N, C-alpha and C. Protein backbone atom coordinates (compact mmCIF):
# COMPACT_ATOMS: atom_id res chain seq x y z
N MET A 1 -14.63 161.60 47.22
CA MET A 1 -14.48 163.05 46.76
C MET A 1 -14.20 163.58 45.39
N LEU A 2 -14.62 164.42 44.86
CA LEU A 2 -14.53 165.14 43.38
C LEU A 2 -13.87 166.39 43.65
N SER A 3 -12.89 166.38 42.91
CA SER A 3 -12.41 167.88 42.36
C SER A 3 -12.01 168.16 40.81
N VAL A 4 -11.90 169.41 40.81
CA VAL A 4 -11.20 170.13 39.56
C VAL A 4 -9.93 169.48 38.96
N PRO A 5 -9.97 168.93 37.80
CA PRO A 5 -8.68 168.62 37.18
C PRO A 5 -7.58 169.28 37.44
N ALA A 6 -6.42 169.35 37.83
CA ALA A 6 -5.43 170.43 37.68
C ALA A 6 -4.88 171.47 36.54
N ARG A 7 -5.30 170.34 35.12
CA ARG A 7 -5.26 171.23 33.70
C ARG A 7 -6.36 172.65 33.91
N LEU A 8 -7.42 172.73 34.53
CA LEU A 8 -8.67 173.49 34.40
C LEU A 8 -8.58 174.63 35.59
N ALA A 9 -8.59 175.74 34.77
CA ALA A 9 -8.56 177.05 36.21
C ALA A 9 -10.19 177.27 35.95
N HIS A 10 -11.02 178.08 36.97
CA HIS A 10 -12.21 177.87 36.80
C HIS A 10 -13.04 179.32 38.06
N VAL A 11 -13.86 179.47 37.81
CA VAL A 11 -14.70 180.34 38.29
C VAL A 11 -16.16 180.46 38.38
N VAL A 12 -16.61 180.31 39.35
CA VAL A 12 -18.17 180.13 39.85
C VAL A 12 -18.64 181.38 40.25
N THR A 13 -19.37 182.04 39.14
CA THR A 13 -20.43 183.48 39.42
C THR A 13 -21.67 183.26 39.80
N ASP A 14 -22.23 184.60 40.01
CA ASP A 14 -24.04 184.36 40.07
C ASP A 14 -24.49 184.25 38.29
N ASP A 15 -23.53 183.91 37.67
CA ASP A 15 -23.88 184.01 36.02
C ASP A 15 -23.64 182.45 35.63
N GLY A 16 -22.98 181.75 36.09
CA GLY A 16 -22.65 180.81 36.01
C GLY A 16 -20.94 180.19 36.03
N ALA A 17 -20.62 179.21 35.90
CA ALA A 17 -19.27 178.57 35.90
C ALA A 17 -18.55 178.51 34.46
N VAL A 18 -17.37 179.00 34.61
CA VAL A 18 -16.51 179.14 33.29
C VAL A 18 -15.28 178.43 33.91
N PHE A 19 -14.80 177.72 32.75
CA PHE A 19 -13.47 177.02 33.21
C PHE A 19 -12.63 177.25 31.68
N LEU A 20 -11.04 176.98 32.57
CA LEU A 20 -9.98 177.29 31.27
C LEU A 20 -9.00 176.40 31.19
N ASP A 21 -9.23 175.38 30.15
CA ASP A 21 -8.21 174.83 29.82
C ASP A 21 -7.07 175.02 29.58
N ILE A 22 -5.89 174.77 30.33
CA ILE A 22 -4.89 175.06 30.14
C ILE A 22 -4.04 174.54 29.29
N GLU A 23 -4.06 173.49 29.20
CA GLU A 23 -3.34 172.57 28.22
C GLU A 23 -4.16 173.15 26.64
N THR A 24 -5.06 173.13 26.46
CA THR A 24 -5.60 173.76 25.54
C THR A 24 -5.76 174.99 24.65
N ASP A 25 -5.68 175.93 25.78
CA ASP A 25 -6.00 177.47 25.97
C ASP A 25 -7.53 177.66 25.16
N ARG A 26 -8.23 177.34 26.17
CA ARG A 26 -9.75 176.98 25.52
C ARG A 26 -10.87 177.29 26.70
N TYR A 27 -11.21 178.44 26.66
CA TYR A 27 -12.29 179.04 27.56
C TYR A 27 -13.45 178.02 27.16
N PHE A 28 -14.48 177.40 28.30
CA PHE A 28 -15.66 176.77 27.97
C PHE A 28 -16.72 176.94 29.16
N ARG A 29 -17.92 176.49 28.89
CA ARG A 29 -19.15 176.13 30.14
C ARG A 29 -19.67 175.06 30.03
N LEU A 30 -20.34 175.14 31.28
CA LEU A 30 -21.04 173.88 31.36
C LEU A 30 -22.32 173.89 30.71
N PRO A 31 -23.23 173.33 30.21
CA PRO A 31 -24.59 173.70 30.10
C PRO A 31 -25.16 173.66 31.28
N SER A 32 -26.13 174.45 31.31
CA SER A 32 -26.72 175.26 32.51
C SER A 32 -27.27 174.36 33.14
N HIS A 33 -27.87 173.00 32.89
CA HIS A 33 -28.54 172.43 34.17
C HIS A 33 -27.51 171.52 34.80
N LEU A 34 -26.17 171.56 34.25
CA LEU A 34 -25.08 171.23 35.25
C LEU A 34 -24.32 172.05 36.06
N GLU A 35 -24.74 173.21 36.05
CA GLU A 35 -24.11 174.19 36.57
C GLU A 35 -24.14 174.21 38.34
N ARG A 36 -25.58 173.84 38.81
CA ARG A 36 -25.86 173.92 40.11
C ARG A 36 -25.18 172.43 40.49
N PRO A 37 -25.30 171.48 40.00
CA PRO A 37 -24.52 170.03 40.47
C PRO A 37 -23.10 170.26 40.59
N PHE A 38 -22.66 171.08 39.16
CA PHE A 38 -20.89 171.16 39.92
C PHE A 38 -20.78 171.98 41.11
N ALA A 39 -21.47 172.87 41.43
CA ALA A 39 -21.20 173.75 42.67
C ALA A 39 -21.34 173.27 43.76
N GLU A 40 -22.74 172.09 43.34
CA GLU A 40 -22.75 171.21 44.76
C GLU A 40 -21.65 170.53 45.11
N ALA A 41 -21.15 169.92 44.13
CA ALA A 41 -20.01 168.70 44.24
C ALA A 41 -18.78 169.31 44.72
N LEU A 42 -18.49 170.52 44.21
CA LEU A 42 -17.33 171.17 44.39
C LEU A 42 -17.34 171.90 45.98
N ALA A 43 -18.52 172.02 46.36
CA ALA A 43 -18.50 171.96 48.04
C ALA A 43 -18.41 171.27 48.87
N GLY A 44 -18.76 170.06 48.12
CA GLY A 44 -18.66 168.41 49.13
C GLY A 44 -19.72 168.14 49.37
N ARG A 45 -21.21 168.83 48.92
CA ARG A 45 -22.50 168.23 49.13
C ARG A 45 -22.84 167.47 47.96
N PRO A 46 -23.58 165.93 48.51
CA PRO A 46 -24.41 164.91 47.54
C PRO A 46 -24.62 165.50 46.50
N VAL A 47 -24.30 164.87 44.87
CA VAL A 47 -25.18 165.11 44.26
C VAL A 47 -25.39 163.81 43.46
N ALA A 48 -26.55 163.71 42.78
CA ALA A 48 -27.10 162.57 41.98
C ALA A 48 -25.81 162.17 41.17
N HIS A 49 -26.02 160.54 41.55
CA HIS A 49 -24.87 159.78 40.47
C HIS A 49 -24.88 160.05 39.18
N GLY A 50 -26.04 160.39 38.37
CA GLY A 50 -25.79 160.51 37.20
C GLY A 50 -25.49 162.05 36.90
N GLN A 51 -25.69 162.80 37.49
CA GLN A 51 -25.35 164.10 37.13
C GLN A 51 -23.64 164.36 37.71
N ALA A 52 -23.12 163.73 38.55
CA ALA A 52 -21.61 163.29 38.85
C ALA A 52 -20.97 162.70 37.88
N ASP A 53 -21.60 161.69 37.20
CA ASP A 53 -21.51 160.98 35.80
C ASP A 53 -20.76 161.78 34.62
N LYS A 54 -21.97 162.70 34.49
CA LYS A 54 -21.93 163.68 33.45
C LYS A 54 -20.71 164.60 33.58
N LEU A 55 -20.36 164.78 34.84
CA LEU A 55 -19.55 166.14 35.00
C LEU A 55 -18.12 165.28 34.97
N VAL A 56 -18.03 164.28 35.42
CA VAL A 56 -16.49 163.28 35.27
C VAL A 56 -16.67 163.27 33.80
N ALA A 57 -17.59 162.57 33.45
CA ALA A 57 -17.31 162.69 31.44
C ALA A 57 -17.22 163.89 30.91
N LEU A 58 -17.24 164.71 31.38
CA LEU A 58 -17.27 165.91 30.55
C LEU A 58 -15.35 166.34 30.88
N GLY A 59 -14.78 165.90 31.85
CA GLY A 59 -13.74 166.13 32.39
C GLY A 59 -13.58 167.21 33.27
N VAL A 60 -14.38 168.01 34.11
CA VAL A 60 -14.61 169.02 34.87
C VAL A 60 -14.53 168.55 36.20
N LEU A 61 -14.61 167.04 36.89
CA LEU A 61 -14.41 166.65 37.68
C LEU A 61 -13.82 165.64 37.84
N GLU A 62 -13.25 165.08 38.85
CA GLU A 62 -12.52 163.53 39.04
C GLU A 62 -12.34 163.10 40.40
N LEU A 63 -11.83 161.89 40.44
CA LEU A 63 -11.95 161.41 41.91
C LEU A 63 -10.63 162.38 42.67
N ALA A 64 -10.69 163.12 43.57
CA ALA A 64 -9.78 163.72 44.28
C ALA A 64 -8.66 163.39 44.35
N ARG A 65 -8.13 161.77 44.55
CA ARG A 65 -7.33 161.36 44.92
C ARG A 65 -6.06 161.24 43.20
N ASN A 66 -6.83 161.35 42.42
CA ASN A 66 -6.00 162.03 40.91
C ASN A 66 -5.93 163.19 40.89
N ALA A 67 -6.14 164.22 41.52
CA ALA A 67 -5.85 165.24 41.28
C ALA A 67 -4.67 166.08 42.06
N GLY A 68 -4.28 166.70 40.90
CA GLY A 68 -3.02 167.70 41.06
C GLY A 68 -3.16 168.57 42.26
N PRO A 69 -2.18 169.82 42.03
CA PRO A 69 -2.37 170.50 43.20
C PRO A 69 -3.41 171.79 42.60
N ALA A 70 -4.55 172.29 43.53
CA ALA A 70 -5.21 173.24 42.74
C ALA A 70 -4.20 174.59 41.99
N ARG A 71 -4.95 175.04 41.37
CA ARG A 71 -4.70 175.89 40.47
C ARG A 71 -4.97 177.57 41.38
N PRO A 72 -4.33 178.27 41.68
CA PRO A 72 -4.50 179.61 42.40
C PRO A 72 -5.74 180.66 41.55
N THR A 73 -6.54 180.76 42.40
CA THR A 73 -7.42 181.57 41.45
C THR A 73 -7.59 183.10 41.99
N ALA A 74 -7.29 183.31 43.90
CA ALA A 74 -7.56 184.46 44.60
C ALA A 74 -6.62 185.71 43.80
N ALA A 75 -7.51 186.89 43.64
CA ALA A 75 -7.09 188.01 43.46
C ALA A 75 -7.91 188.79 43.71
N ILE A 76 -6.84 190.30 44.52
CA ILE A 76 -8.05 191.25 44.72
C ILE A 76 -8.03 192.17 43.69
N ARG A 77 -9.48 192.47 43.32
CA ARG A 77 -10.13 193.14 42.76
C ARG A 77 -9.52 194.92 42.20
N VAL A 78 -9.40 194.94 40.96
CA VAL A 78 -8.85 196.18 40.58
C VAL A 78 -9.60 197.29 41.36
N ALA A 79 -8.76 198.28 41.79
CA ALA A 79 -9.43 199.48 42.53
C ALA A 79 -8.39 200.78 41.61
N ASP A 80 -7.64 200.44 41.06
CA ASP A 80 -7.19 201.57 40.03
C ASP A 80 -6.53 200.94 39.06
N SER A 81 -5.74 201.84 38.38
CA SER A 81 -4.40 201.46 36.81
C SER A 81 -3.94 202.80 36.51
N ILE A 82 -2.58 202.54 36.28
CA ILE A 82 -1.66 203.22 36.41
C ILE A 82 -1.72 204.10 35.08
N VAL A 83 -2.56 202.98 33.83
CA VAL A 83 -2.57 203.49 32.63
C VAL A 83 -3.42 204.84 32.65
N ASP A 84 -4.52 204.59 33.42
CA ASP A 84 -5.36 205.98 33.42
C ASP A 84 -4.82 207.47 33.93
N SER A 85 -3.86 206.89 34.37
CA SER A 85 -3.08 208.30 34.92
C SER A 85 -1.85 208.69 33.83
N ALA A 86 -1.59 207.69 33.25
CA ALA A 86 -0.37 207.82 32.37
C ALA A 86 0.04 208.60 31.53
N THR A 87 1.19 209.58 31.31
CA THR A 87 1.46 210.30 30.16
C THR A 87 2.37 210.20 29.55
N PRO A 88 2.68 209.93 28.01
CA PRO A 88 3.29 209.64 27.30
C PRO A 88 4.97 210.18 27.72
N GLY A 89 5.82 209.52 27.91
CA GLY A 89 7.04 210.32 27.98
C GLY A 89 8.35 209.95 27.10
N ARG A 90 9.11 210.31 27.03
CA ARG A 90 10.40 210.35 26.27
C ARG A 90 11.20 208.79 26.44
N VAL A 91 11.31 207.79 25.73
CA VAL A 91 11.74 206.79 25.41
C VAL A 91 13.05 206.68 25.23
N GLN A 92 14.06 206.03 25.95
CA GLN A 92 15.64 205.94 26.00
C GLN A 92 16.02 204.78 25.26
N LEU A 93 16.81 204.74 24.29
CA LEU A 93 17.19 203.70 23.32
C LEU A 93 17.29 202.29 24.01
N PRO A 94 18.12 202.54 25.43
CA PRO A 94 18.18 201.05 26.23
C PRO A 94 16.71 200.96 26.44
N THR A 95 16.00 201.19 26.93
CA THR A 95 14.53 201.03 27.40
C THR A 95 13.95 200.08 26.16
N MET A 96 13.94 200.83 24.90
CA MET A 96 13.20 200.33 23.93
C MET A 96 13.95 199.04 23.45
N ALA A 97 15.29 198.71 23.38
CA ALA A 97 15.65 197.71 23.07
C ALA A 97 14.98 196.56 24.39
N ALA A 98 15.45 196.38 25.59
CA ALA A 98 14.93 195.98 26.70
C ALA A 98 13.36 195.39 26.45
N ALA A 99 12.57 196.40 26.02
CA ALA A 99 11.12 195.92 25.93
C ALA A 99 10.79 194.96 24.60
N THR A 100 11.56 195.28 23.44
CA THR A 100 11.52 194.51 22.48
C THR A 100 12.16 193.11 22.52
N GLY A 101 13.03 192.96 23.37
CA GLY A 101 13.57 191.34 23.96
C GLY A 101 12.63 191.13 24.79
N SER A 102 12.22 191.66 25.64
CA SER A 102 10.93 191.15 26.34
C SER A 102 9.80 190.52 25.39
N LEU A 103 9.34 191.37 24.55
CA LEU A 103 8.30 191.11 23.64
C LEU A 103 8.48 189.88 22.67
N LEU A 104 9.72 189.68 22.19
CA LEU A 104 10.18 188.56 21.73
C LEU A 104 10.42 187.29 22.27
N ARG A 105 10.70 187.53 23.58
CA ARG A 105 10.92 186.64 24.76
C ARG A 105 9.61 185.75 24.69
N ALA A 106 8.11 186.49 25.28
CA ALA A 106 7.47 186.50 25.28
C ALA A 106 6.54 185.86 24.34
N ARG A 107 6.83 185.93 22.97
CA ARG A 107 6.02 185.26 21.69
C ARG A 107 6.88 183.87 21.49
N ARG A 108 8.09 183.66 21.70
CA ARG A 108 8.81 182.76 21.66
C ARG A 108 8.53 181.87 22.66
N SER A 109 8.35 181.82 23.92
CA SER A 109 7.61 181.21 25.02
C SER A 109 5.71 180.87 24.58
N LEU A 110 5.33 181.81 24.14
CA LEU A 110 3.69 181.35 23.98
C LEU A 110 3.84 180.64 22.70
N SER A 111 4.67 180.55 21.91
CA SER A 111 4.45 179.42 20.93
C SER A 111 4.71 178.54 21.43
N ARG A 112 5.35 177.88 22.66
CA ARG A 112 5.14 176.55 23.21
C ARG A 112 3.76 176.02 23.43
N GLY A 113 2.98 177.04 23.49
CA GLY A 113 1.58 176.93 24.34
C GLY A 113 1.73 177.47 25.80
N LEU A 114 0.46 177.65 25.91
CA LEU A 114 0.11 177.96 27.46
C LEU A 114 0.39 177.67 28.69
N ALA A 115 0.49 176.15 28.45
CA ALA A 115 0.69 175.62 29.76
C ALA A 115 2.17 175.58 30.06
N LYS A 116 3.00 175.47 29.40
CA LYS A 116 4.41 175.76 29.24
C LYS A 116 4.80 177.36 29.51
N THR A 117 4.28 177.98 28.95
CA THR A 117 4.25 179.36 29.52
C THR A 117 4.06 179.54 31.02
N LEU A 118 3.16 179.20 31.27
CA LEU A 118 2.57 179.70 32.91
C LEU A 118 3.34 178.74 33.73
N ASP A 119 3.82 177.65 33.36
CA ASP A 119 4.58 176.63 34.31
C ASP A 119 6.00 177.57 34.05
N ALA A 120 6.33 177.90 33.20
CA ALA A 120 7.81 178.86 33.09
C ALA A 120 7.69 180.23 34.40
N ILE A 121 6.54 180.98 33.87
CA ILE A 121 6.31 181.64 34.79
C ILE A 121 6.36 181.69 36.40
N ALA A 122 5.74 180.33 36.37
CA ALA A 122 5.55 179.95 38.22
C ALA A 122 6.70 179.53 38.78
N ALA A 123 7.24 178.83 38.04
CA ALA A 123 8.65 177.94 38.57
C ALA A 123 10.00 179.47 38.47
N ASN A 124 9.57 180.39 38.26
CA ASN A 124 10.82 181.38 37.83
C ASN A 124 11.41 181.74 38.92
N PRO A 125 12.82 181.21 39.41
CA PRO A 125 13.19 181.34 40.73
C PRO A 125 13.44 182.66 41.25
N ALA A 126 13.85 183.76 39.88
CA ALA A 126 13.72 185.34 40.30
C ALA A 126 12.43 185.94 40.81
N ARG A 127 11.56 184.94 41.02
CA ARG A 127 10.15 185.67 41.34
C ARG A 127 10.21 185.79 43.00
N SER A 128 10.85 184.84 43.58
CA SER A 128 10.88 184.42 45.00
C SER A 128 11.47 185.80 46.13
N GLY A 129 12.61 186.64 45.20
CA GLY A 129 13.16 187.26 45.82
C GLY A 129 12.78 188.84 45.47
N ALA A 130 11.52 188.66 44.35
CA ALA A 130 11.62 190.01 43.46
C ALA A 130 10.68 191.22 44.84
N SER A 131 11.03 192.25 44.45
CA SER A 131 10.34 193.30 44.98
C SER A 131 8.45 194.05 44.16
N ARG A 132 7.75 194.00 44.90
CA ARG A 132 6.30 194.20 44.50
C ARG A 132 6.06 195.67 45.13
N ASP A 133 7.55 196.32 45.71
CA ASP A 133 7.08 197.91 45.61
C ASP A 133 6.18 198.54 44.55
N LYS A 134 5.25 199.08 44.77
CA LYS A 134 4.39 199.96 43.79
C LYS A 134 4.98 200.94 43.20
N ALA A 135 5.88 202.03 43.74
CA ALA A 135 6.30 202.76 43.55
C ALA A 135 7.21 202.41 42.11
N SER A 136 7.85 201.31 42.35
CA SER A 136 9.08 200.85 41.49
C SER A 136 8.28 200.17 40.33
N LEU A 137 7.55 199.42 40.70
CA LEU A 137 6.58 199.04 39.62
C LEU A 137 5.75 199.68 38.53
N ARG A 138 5.49 200.97 39.31
CA ARG A 138 4.66 201.87 38.57
C ARG A 138 6.05 202.49 37.61
N ARG A 139 6.85 202.68 37.91
CA ARG A 139 7.93 203.59 36.87
C ARG A 139 8.27 202.72 36.05
N ALA A 140 9.08 201.24 36.36
CA ALA A 140 9.25 200.38 35.05
C ALA A 140 8.00 200.18 34.37
N ALA A 141 6.60 200.01 34.60
CA ALA A 141 5.92 199.48 33.86
C ALA A 141 5.65 200.77 32.90
N LEU A 142 5.32 202.04 33.59
CA LEU A 142 5.18 202.93 32.39
C LEU A 142 6.45 203.25 31.55
N ALA A 143 7.54 202.84 31.94
CA ALA A 143 8.82 202.63 30.89
C ALA A 143 8.56 201.73 29.96
N PHE A 144 7.82 200.74 30.28
CA PHE A 144 7.82 199.64 29.15
C PHE A 144 6.71 199.94 28.43
N LEU A 145 5.68 200.51 28.96
CA LEU A 145 4.32 200.91 28.17
C LEU A 145 4.60 201.92 27.24
N ALA A 146 5.47 202.91 27.71
CA ALA A 146 6.08 204.04 26.68
C ALA A 146 6.72 203.43 25.43
N ALA A 147 7.65 202.55 25.84
CA ALA A 147 8.50 202.21 24.44
C ALA A 147 7.47 200.90 23.67
N ARG A 148 6.58 200.38 24.33
CA ARG A 148 5.63 199.11 23.58
C ARG A 148 4.76 199.73 22.58
N ARG A 149 4.40 201.28 22.71
CA ARG A 149 3.99 202.01 21.28
C ARG A 149 4.87 202.18 20.23
N PHE A 150 5.73 202.15 20.64
CA PHE A 150 6.83 202.10 18.76
C PHE A 150 7.04 200.63 18.67
N ILE A 151 6.92 199.71 19.00
CA ILE A 151 7.21 198.63 18.81
C ILE A 151 6.35 197.79 17.79
N PRO A 152 6.52 197.69 16.61
CA PRO A 152 5.16 197.33 15.46
C PRO A 152 4.62 195.85 15.54
N VAL A 153 4.38 195.26 16.72
CA VAL A 153 3.75 194.09 16.81
C VAL A 153 2.33 194.16 17.53
N ARG A 154 1.16 193.98 17.00
CA ARG A 154 -0.30 194.05 17.23
C ARG A 154 -0.35 193.70 19.05
N PRO A 155 -1.08 194.49 19.43
CA PRO A 155 -1.29 194.53 20.69
C PRO A 155 -2.09 193.23 21.32
N VAL A 156 -1.58 192.52 21.95
CA VAL A 156 -2.53 191.32 22.44
C VAL A 156 -2.17 191.07 24.18
N CYS A 157 -3.35 190.79 24.72
CA CYS A 157 -3.41 191.13 25.90
C CYS A 157 -2.38 190.28 26.81
N LEU A 158 -2.59 188.94 26.22
CA LEU A 158 -1.58 187.84 27.24
C LEU A 158 -0.11 188.16 26.70
N LEU A 159 0.35 188.18 25.41
CA LEU A 159 1.64 188.45 24.77
C LEU A 159 2.38 189.78 25.27
N ASP A 160 1.22 190.92 25.93
CA ASP A 160 1.89 191.87 26.26
C ASP A 160 1.89 191.73 27.62
N SER A 161 0.94 191.11 28.23
CA SER A 161 1.22 190.74 29.82
C SER A 161 2.34 189.93 30.12
N VAL A 162 2.57 188.72 29.28
CA VAL A 162 4.15 188.27 29.53
C VAL A 162 5.44 188.60 29.50
N ALA A 163 5.05 189.85 28.61
CA ALA A 163 6.35 190.73 28.05
C ALA A 163 6.61 191.40 29.10
N MET A 164 5.60 192.21 29.23
CA MET A 164 5.97 193.08 30.73
C MET A 164 6.41 192.39 32.03
N LEU A 165 6.01 191.30 32.17
CA LEU A 165 6.31 190.72 33.41
C LEU A 165 8.03 190.15 33.19
N ASP A 166 8.32 189.74 31.95
CA ASP A 166 9.56 189.25 31.63
C ASP A 166 10.61 190.57 32.22
N TYR A 167 9.86 191.83 31.50
CA TYR A 167 10.71 193.16 31.53
C TYR A 167 10.63 193.41 32.98
N LEU A 168 9.56 193.31 33.66
CA LEU A 168 9.75 193.36 35.19
C LEU A 168 10.73 192.51 36.27
N SER A 169 10.69 191.38 35.70
CA SER A 169 11.59 190.39 36.56
C SER A 169 13.09 190.50 36.27
N ARG A 170 13.16 191.07 34.85
CA ARG A 170 14.80 191.41 34.70
C ARG A 170 15.21 192.88 35.61
N ARG A 171 14.28 193.43 36.23
CA ARG A 171 14.35 194.35 37.12
C ARG A 171 14.22 194.27 38.39
N GLY A 172 14.13 192.89 38.83
CA GLY A 172 14.12 192.51 40.20
C GLY A 172 12.37 192.80 40.77
N LEU A 173 11.53 193.03 39.79
CA LEU A 173 10.39 193.10 39.93
C LEU A 173 9.58 192.04 39.86
N ASP A 174 8.49 192.37 40.63
CA ASP A 174 7.36 191.19 40.22
C ASP A 174 5.98 191.46 40.46
N ALA A 175 4.96 190.92 39.52
CA ALA A 175 3.38 190.95 39.63
C ALA A 175 2.78 189.91 39.39
N ASP A 176 1.32 189.97 39.62
CA ASP A 176 0.53 188.85 39.11
C ASP A 176 0.20 188.67 37.91
N LEU A 177 0.46 187.79 37.18
CA LEU A 177 -0.39 187.77 36.11
C LEU A 177 -1.62 187.36 36.27
N VAL A 178 -3.11 187.64 36.07
CA VAL A 178 -4.21 187.83 36.21
C VAL A 178 -5.13 187.71 34.82
N PHE A 179 -5.89 186.48 34.98
CA PHE A 179 -6.72 185.86 34.04
C PHE A 179 -8.29 186.53 34.67
N GLY A 180 -9.26 187.15 33.70
CA GLY A 180 -10.55 187.58 34.47
C GLY A 180 -11.53 187.41 33.13
N VAL A 181 -12.94 186.80 33.65
CA VAL A 181 -13.66 186.60 32.71
C VAL A 181 -14.94 187.56 33.00
N ILE A 182 -15.87 187.85 32.04
CA ILE A 182 -17.25 188.57 32.30
C ILE A 182 -17.80 187.11 31.58
N VAL A 183 -18.56 186.60 32.31
CA VAL A 183 -19.89 185.43 31.73
C VAL A 183 -21.02 186.12 30.96
N ARG A 184 -21.62 186.99 30.97
CA ARG A 184 -22.37 187.37 30.29
C ARG A 184 -22.68 188.91 29.78
N PRO A 185 -22.06 189.06 28.26
CA PRO A 185 -21.99 188.36 27.17
C PRO A 185 -20.42 188.03 27.83
N PHE A 186 -19.74 186.71 27.28
CA PHE A 186 -18.87 186.35 27.74
C PHE A 186 -17.53 187.31 27.30
N SER A 187 -16.29 187.49 27.85
CA SER A 187 -15.21 187.85 27.51
C SER A 187 -14.42 187.61 28.75
N ALA A 188 -12.97 187.18 27.95
CA ALA A 188 -11.89 187.07 28.63
C ALA A 188 -10.58 187.93 28.54
N HIS A 189 -9.90 188.12 29.41
CA HIS A 189 -8.88 188.93 29.45
C HIS A 189 -7.70 188.75 30.20
N CYS A 190 -6.72 189.42 30.00
CA CYS A 190 -5.28 188.90 30.87
C CYS A 190 -4.78 190.32 31.11
N TRP A 191 -4.30 190.62 32.13
CA TRP A 191 -3.56 191.71 32.98
C TRP A 191 -2.19 191.54 33.75
N LEU A 192 -1.36 192.24 34.31
CA LEU A 192 -0.57 192.54 35.23
C LEU A 192 -1.43 193.14 36.31
N GLN A 193 -0.94 192.65 37.60
CA GLN A 193 -1.52 193.33 38.92
C GLN A 193 -0.64 193.10 39.89
N VAL A 194 -0.55 194.32 40.84
CA VAL A 194 0.23 194.02 42.05
C VAL A 194 -0.86 194.99 43.26
N GLY A 195 -1.34 193.80 43.96
CA GLY A 195 -2.16 194.41 45.16
C GLY A 195 -3.65 194.74 44.29
N ASP A 196 -4.10 196.27 44.26
CA ASP A 196 -5.19 196.24 43.91
C ASP A 196 -4.88 197.43 42.40
N LEU A 197 -3.69 197.29 42.29
CA LEU A 197 -3.46 198.33 41.01
C LEU A 197 -3.02 197.24 39.94
N ALA A 198 -3.74 197.66 38.53
CA ALA A 198 -3.61 197.01 37.66
C ALA A 198 -2.30 198.15 36.71
N LEU A 199 -1.34 197.22 36.09
CA LEU A 199 -0.17 197.80 35.35
C LEU A 199 -0.01 197.86 33.64
N ASN A 200 -1.14 197.38 33.13
CA ASN A 200 -1.33 197.52 32.00
C ASN A 200 -2.43 197.50 31.21
N ASP A 201 -3.34 198.09 31.63
CA ASP A 201 -4.72 198.11 31.12
C ASP A 201 -5.65 199.10 31.63
N GLU A 202 -6.65 199.64 31.18
CA GLU A 202 -7.22 200.62 31.90
C GLU A 202 -8.21 200.36 32.93
N PHE A 203 -8.85 200.82 34.13
CA PHE A 203 -9.72 200.43 34.79
C PHE A 203 -10.83 200.19 34.62
N ASP A 204 -11.60 200.74 33.32
CA ASP A 204 -12.66 200.25 32.57
C ASP A 204 -12.80 199.07 32.26
N ASN A 205 -11.80 198.80 31.36
CA ASN A 205 -11.51 197.38 30.74
C ASN A 205 -11.41 196.27 31.95
N LEU A 206 -11.18 196.45 33.27
CA LEU A 206 -10.88 195.50 33.83
C LEU A 206 -11.91 195.09 34.97
N VAL A 207 -12.96 196.22 35.05
CA VAL A 207 -14.17 196.33 36.11
C VAL A 207 -14.93 195.42 35.88
N GLY A 208 -15.45 194.61 36.75
CA GLY A 208 -16.47 193.58 36.49
C GLY A 208 -15.72 191.83 36.03
N ARG A 209 -14.78 191.95 35.95
CA ARG A 209 -14.37 190.93 35.36
C ARG A 209 -13.96 189.68 36.57
N ALA A 210 -14.34 188.86 36.99
CA ALA A 210 -14.19 187.77 37.82
C ALA A 210 -12.59 186.84 37.73
N PRO A 211 -11.63 187.05 38.43
CA PRO A 211 -10.74 186.23 38.21
C PRO A 211 -10.97 184.77 38.06
N ILE A 212 -9.84 183.93 37.53
CA ILE A 212 -10.02 183.06 36.81
C ILE A 212 -8.93 182.19 37.12
N LEU A 213 -7.96 182.68 37.23
CA LEU A 213 -6.66 181.97 37.46
C LEU A 213 -5.67 183.47 37.47
N VAL A 214 -4.53 183.06 38.84
CA VAL A 214 -3.49 183.84 38.91
C VAL A 214 -2.31 183.31 39.18
N ILE A 215 -1.25 184.04 38.33
CA ILE A 215 0.09 183.39 38.31
C ILE A 215 1.22 184.06 39.09
């Protein structure tokens, strides 16, 4: 039996399959003639040997006995965002300092590579007992976003999401780090989410994106 290697996150949509190579931080797609054989193989249905060999050679499938644990991909589709109803508030100096610290820690972590950053987030022991209360997350996320406007670092979805997750974790809170894609035309993005509520981007930027990885 064939399965997707653990280093790859993937999603199959009506527009085709998309992969994220976590070790190289690279998205890619299959040649169109291999998309259906890939879906068939993933479902455990027979695939012609020549096509299966091509999929293995491309690195998107491997023998199941060699496979590591599957990457989680399930996420509830976003239905609302706190950003859409947010109003700029006053920023306290301690909040500014904390948000800056989280941003610097996130940048330092990402400099070591996406795979190490995601592994560290997944293994963070503080997450197991953290609260996912929406009201508490809303207050903390809005405080971070208000402070973020004054930090002179170019906004980048991955950097900002990892930074906010660090900020939340230090307050006993937790959310999902979600990576999502639109296949045609291709677009990749990431954000923080709890349940169906997005914490750091507008709803219109997230609607229609298929989750490819959730941490």
